[in-house]
Every structure is written in C-alpha cells, then in structure tokens.
C-alpha cells in the first residue's frame, strides 16, 4: 500500500508538465524538499508493485524512459 506522499509523487509526475514553472522549483513547492530526494523516491516507486497498481500508465512510462536511458548508455543490469 502506498503512502500519501508516494501517491502524491506519482500524481505530480503524471501532470507536472502542465505547471507553469521549472520542474525543480515545482518539486520544492509541492513537497518541501529538493529534486534529489524526489527522484530517489520516484526511482523506488518505479519498481513498487503498489505503484504499478495505483498508476500503471505513469509507472510504465517511467520504466520506458529508464530503459531507453540505459540502452543509450550501454548500461546492463549485472554488468560492471
């Protein structure tokens, strides 16, 4: 089960692009902490089954973005 903060992060990630300002500033305003913590929490949510159940479209989109970034850098899980 997701916490209210985790649900809010997924909700924010789904629609942040509709906000008028820079994302980093909007993260600070919405959550009261900086982008580093936000992205750390978001990264954990991408692999959380409860997050997938709550917002499958957003989680799948984030996973696709992550997979593309990993492919572009040649990164493979389990490699050094």
N, C-alpha and C. Protein backbone atom coordinates (compact mmCIF):
# COMPACT_ATOMS: atom_id res chain seq x y z
N UNK A 1 0.84 -1.18 0.00
CA UNK A 1 0.00 0.00 0.00
C UNK A 1 0.89 1.25 0.00
N UNK A 2 0.53 2.19 -0.83
CA UNK A 2 1.32 3.42 -0.95
C UNK A 2 0.95 4.42 0.14
N UNK A 3 1.94 5.19 0.54
CA UNK A 3 1.68 6.29 1.47
C UNK A 3 1.08 7.45 0.68
N UNK A 4 0.56 8.42 1.39
CA UNK A 4 0.00 9.59 0.70
C UNK A 4 1.12 10.33 -0.05
N UNK A 5 2.32 10.39 0.51
CA UNK A 5 3.44 11.03 -0.18
C UNK A 5 3.74 10.30 -1.50
N UNK A 6 3.78 8.99 -1.46
CA UNK A 6 4.07 8.21 -2.68
C UNK A 6 2.99 8.43 -3.74
N UNK A 7 1.73 8.45 -3.32
CA UNK A 7 0.65 8.73 -4.28
C UNK A 7 0.79 10.14 -4.84
N UNK A 8 1.13 11.09 -3.99
CA UNK A 8 1.30 12.47 -4.44
C UNK A 8 2.45 12.60 -5.44
N UNK A 9 3.52 11.86 -5.22
CA UNK A 9 4.64 11.89 -6.16
C UNK A 9 4.21 11.35 -7.51
N UNK A 10 3.49 10.24 -7.52
CA UNK A 10 3.01 9.70 -8.80
C UNK A 10 2.03 10.65 -9.47
N UNK A 11 1.16 11.25 -8.69
CA UNK A 11 0.20 12.22 -9.25
C UNK A 11 0.95 13.41 -9.86
N UNK A 12 1.94 13.91 -9.15
CA UNK A 12 2.74 15.03 -9.63
C UNK A 12 3.47 14.65 -10.92
N UNK A 13 4.07 13.47 -10.94
CA UNK A 13 4.83 13.04 -12.10
C UNK A 13 3.93 12.88 -13.33
N UNK A 14 2.69 12.51 -13.10
CA UNK A 14 1.74 12.35 -14.19
C UNK A 14 1.44 13.68 -14.88
N UNK A 15 1.43 14.78 -14.12
CA UNK A 15 0.94 16.03 -14.72
C UNK A 15 1.84 17.24 -14.50
N UNK A 16 3.09 17.06 -14.06
CA UNK A 16 3.95 18.21 -13.75
C UNK A 16 4.16 19.13 -14.94
N UNK A 17 4.16 18.58 -16.14
CA UNK A 17 4.43 19.37 -17.35
C UNK A 17 3.37 20.44 -17.60
N UNK A 18 2.22 20.31 -16.94
CA UNK A 18 1.16 21.30 -17.10
C UNK A 18 1.39 22.53 -16.21
N UNK A 19 2.33 22.45 -15.29
CA UNK A 19 2.61 23.56 -14.38
C UNK A 19 3.46 24.60 -15.10
N UNK A 20 3.33 25.86 -14.71
CA UNK A 20 3.99 26.93 -15.46
C UNK A 20 5.50 27.07 -15.24
N UNK A 21 6.02 26.60 -14.13
CA UNK A 21 7.42 26.87 -13.81
C UNK A 21 8.33 25.69 -14.08
N UNK A 22 9.61 25.86 -13.73
CA UNK A 22 10.57 24.76 -13.85
C UNK A 22 10.21 23.62 -12.90
N UNK A 23 10.44 22.40 -13.34
CA UNK A 23 10.06 21.24 -12.54
C UNK A 23 10.75 21.23 -11.18
N UNK A 24 12.04 21.57 -11.13
CA UNK A 24 12.76 21.57 -9.85
C UNK A 24 12.10 22.49 -8.83
N UNK A 25 11.71 23.67 -9.28
CA UNK A 25 11.04 24.62 -8.38
C UNK A 25 9.68 24.07 -7.94
N UNK A 26 8.94 23.48 -8.89
CA UNK A 26 7.62 22.94 -8.56
C UNK A 26 7.73 21.78 -7.57
N UNK A 27 8.79 21.00 -7.66
CA UNK A 27 9.02 19.91 -6.70
C UNK A 27 9.19 20.50 -5.30
N UNK A 28 10.02 21.53 -5.18
CA UNK A 28 10.24 22.16 -3.87
C UNK A 28 8.95 22.74 -3.29
N UNK A 29 8.15 23.37 -4.14
CA UNK A 29 6.90 23.97 -3.68
C UNK A 29 5.90 22.89 -3.27
N UNK A 30 5.78 21.85 -4.08
CA UNK A 30 4.78 20.81 -3.82
C UNK A 30 5.13 19.93 -2.63
N UNK A 31 6.41 19.63 -2.44
CA UNK A 31 6.79 18.62 -1.45
C UNK A 31 7.63 19.15 -0.29
N UNK A 32 8.22 20.32 -0.44
CA UNK A 32 9.02 20.87 0.64
C UNK A 32 10.41 20.27 0.74
N UNK A 33 10.84 19.55 -0.28
CA UNK A 33 12.21 19.03 -0.34
C UNK A 33 12.70 19.13 -1.77
N UNK A 34 13.97 18.88 -1.94
CA UNK A 34 14.59 19.10 -3.23
C UNK A 34 14.44 17.97 -4.22
N UNK A 35 14.88 18.22 -5.45
CA UNK A 35 14.78 17.24 -6.52
C UNK A 35 15.53 15.93 -6.24
N UNK A 36 16.67 15.99 -5.55
CA UNK A 36 17.42 14.75 -5.29
C UNK A 36 16.57 13.75 -4.51
N UNK A 37 15.92 14.21 -3.47
CA UNK A 37 15.07 13.31 -2.68
C UNK A 37 13.87 12.86 -3.51
N UNK A 38 13.28 13.78 -4.26
CA UNK A 38 12.12 13.45 -5.10
C UNK A 38 12.47 12.31 -6.06
N UNK A 39 13.59 12.46 -6.77
CA UNK A 39 13.96 11.44 -7.76
C UNK A 39 14.37 10.13 -7.11
N UNK A 40 14.94 10.18 -5.93
CA UNK A 40 15.26 8.95 -5.19
C UNK A 40 13.98 8.20 -4.86
N UNK A 41 12.96 8.92 -4.38
CA UNK A 41 11.68 8.30 -4.06
C UNK A 41 10.98 7.80 -5.33
N UNK A 42 11.02 8.59 -6.39
CA UNK A 42 10.38 8.21 -7.65
C UNK A 42 11.03 6.95 -8.22
N UNK A 43 12.35 6.88 -8.15
CA UNK A 43 13.06 5.69 -8.65
C UNK A 43 12.60 4.43 -7.91
N UNK A 44 12.44 4.52 -6.61
CA UNK A 44 11.97 3.37 -5.84
C UNK A 44 10.55 3.00 -6.23
N UNK A 45 9.73 4.00 -6.51
CA UNK A 45 8.34 3.73 -6.89
C UNK A 45 8.23 3.01 -8.23
N UNK A 46 9.18 3.22 -9.12
CA UNK A 46 9.11 2.58 -10.44
C UNK A 46 9.13 1.06 -10.35
N UNK A 47 9.67 0.52 -9.27
CA UNK A 47 9.75 -0.93 -9.11
C UNK A 47 8.81 -1.46 -8.03
N UNK A 48 7.91 -0.62 -7.56
CA UNK A 48 6.98 -0.99 -6.50
C UNK A 48 5.66 -1.48 -7.11
N UNK A 49 5.27 -2.73 -6.84
CA UNK A 49 4.02 -3.25 -7.39
C UNK A 49 2.79 -2.41 -7.00
N UNK A 50 2.82 -1.82 -5.82
CA UNK A 50 1.69 -0.98 -5.40
C UNK A 50 1.60 0.28 -6.26
N UNK A 51 2.74 0.82 -6.64
CA UNK A 51 2.75 2.00 -7.52
C UNK A 51 2.22 1.62 -8.90
N UNK A 52 2.61 0.46 -9.38
CA UNK A 52 2.12 -0.02 -10.68
C UNK A 52 0.61 -0.20 -10.65
N UNK A 53 0.09 -0.72 -9.56
CA UNK A 53 -1.36 -0.89 -9.43
C UNK A 53 -2.08 0.45 -9.34
N UNK A 54 -1.47 1.42 -8.67
CA UNK A 54 -2.08 2.74 -8.48
C UNK A 54 -2.12 3.55 -9.77
N UNK A 55 -1.02 3.55 -10.52
CA UNK A 55 -0.92 4.38 -11.72
C UNK A 55 -0.09 3.67 -12.78
N UNK A 56 -0.66 2.65 -13.42
CA UNK A 56 0.12 1.86 -14.37
C UNK A 56 0.66 2.66 -15.55
N UNK A 57 -0.09 3.63 -16.05
CA UNK A 57 0.40 4.40 -17.20
C UNK A 57 1.66 5.19 -16.87
N UNK A 58 1.64 5.86 -15.73
CA UNK A 58 2.81 6.65 -15.33
C UNK A 58 4.01 5.75 -15.04
N UNK A 59 3.79 4.66 -14.32
CA UNK A 59 4.89 3.76 -13.98
C UNK A 59 5.48 3.13 -15.25
N UNK A 60 4.63 2.69 -16.17
CA UNK A 60 5.15 2.12 -17.42
C UNK A 60 5.91 3.17 -18.24
N UNK A 61 5.42 4.40 -18.27
CA UNK A 61 6.12 5.47 -18.98
C UNK A 61 7.50 5.71 -18.37
N UNK A 62 7.56 5.76 -17.05
CA UNK A 62 8.84 5.97 -16.37
C UNK A 62 9.80 4.80 -16.62
N UNK A 63 9.28 3.60 -16.63
CA UNK A 63 10.13 2.43 -16.91
C UNK A 63 10.67 2.47 -18.34
N UNK A 64 9.84 2.90 -19.29
CA UNK A 64 10.30 3.02 -20.68
C UNK A 64 11.42 4.06 -20.79
N UNK A 65 11.23 5.19 -20.13
CA UNK A 65 12.25 6.24 -20.14
C UNK A 65 13.55 5.71 -19.55
N UNK A 66 13.45 5.00 -18.44
CA UNK A 66 14.64 4.43 -17.79
C UNK A 66 15.32 3.42 -18.71
N UNK A 67 14.53 2.56 -19.36
CA UNK A 67 15.10 1.55 -20.25
C UNK A 67 15.82 2.20 -21.43
N UNK A 68 15.22 3.25 -22.00
CA UNK A 68 15.86 3.96 -23.11
C UNK A 68 17.18 4.59 -22.67
N UNK A 69 17.18 5.17 -21.49
CA UNK A 69 18.40 5.80 -20.99
C UNK A 69 19.49 4.75 -20.75
N UNK A 70 19.08 3.61 -20.24
CA UNK A 70 20.05 2.53 -20.01
C UNK A 70 20.59 2.00 -21.33
N UNK A 71 19.72 1.85 -22.33
CA UNK A 71 20.17 1.39 -23.65
C UNK A 71 21.13 2.39 -24.28
N UNK A 72 20.82 3.66 -24.14
CA UNK A 72 21.65 4.71 -24.76
C UNK A 72 23.05 4.76 -24.16
N UNK A 73 23.17 4.40 -22.90
CA UNK A 73 24.48 4.44 -22.25
C UNK A 73 25.19 3.09 -22.30
N UNK A 74 24.50 2.07 -22.80
CA UNK A 74 25.08 0.74 -22.85
C UNK A 74 25.06 0.03 -21.52
N UNK A 75 24.35 0.60 -20.55
CA UNK A 75 24.28 0.00 -19.21
C UNK A 75 23.41 -1.25 -19.24
N UNK A 76 23.88 -2.28 -18.62
CA UNK A 76 23.11 -3.52 -18.49
C UNK A 76 23.13 -3.93 -17.02
N UNK A 77 22.01 -4.38 -16.52
CA UNK A 77 21.93 -4.84 -15.14
C UNK A 77 22.88 -6.02 -14.97
N UNK A 78 23.65 -5.99 -13.90
CA UNK A 78 24.56 -7.09 -13.60
C UNK A 78 25.93 -6.95 -14.24
N UNK A 79 26.17 -5.83 -14.94
CA UNK A 79 27.49 -5.63 -15.53
C UNK A 79 28.27 -4.63 -14.71
N UNK A 80 29.56 -4.65 -14.89
CA UNK A 80 30.42 -3.71 -14.16
C UNK A 80 30.80 -2.56 -15.06
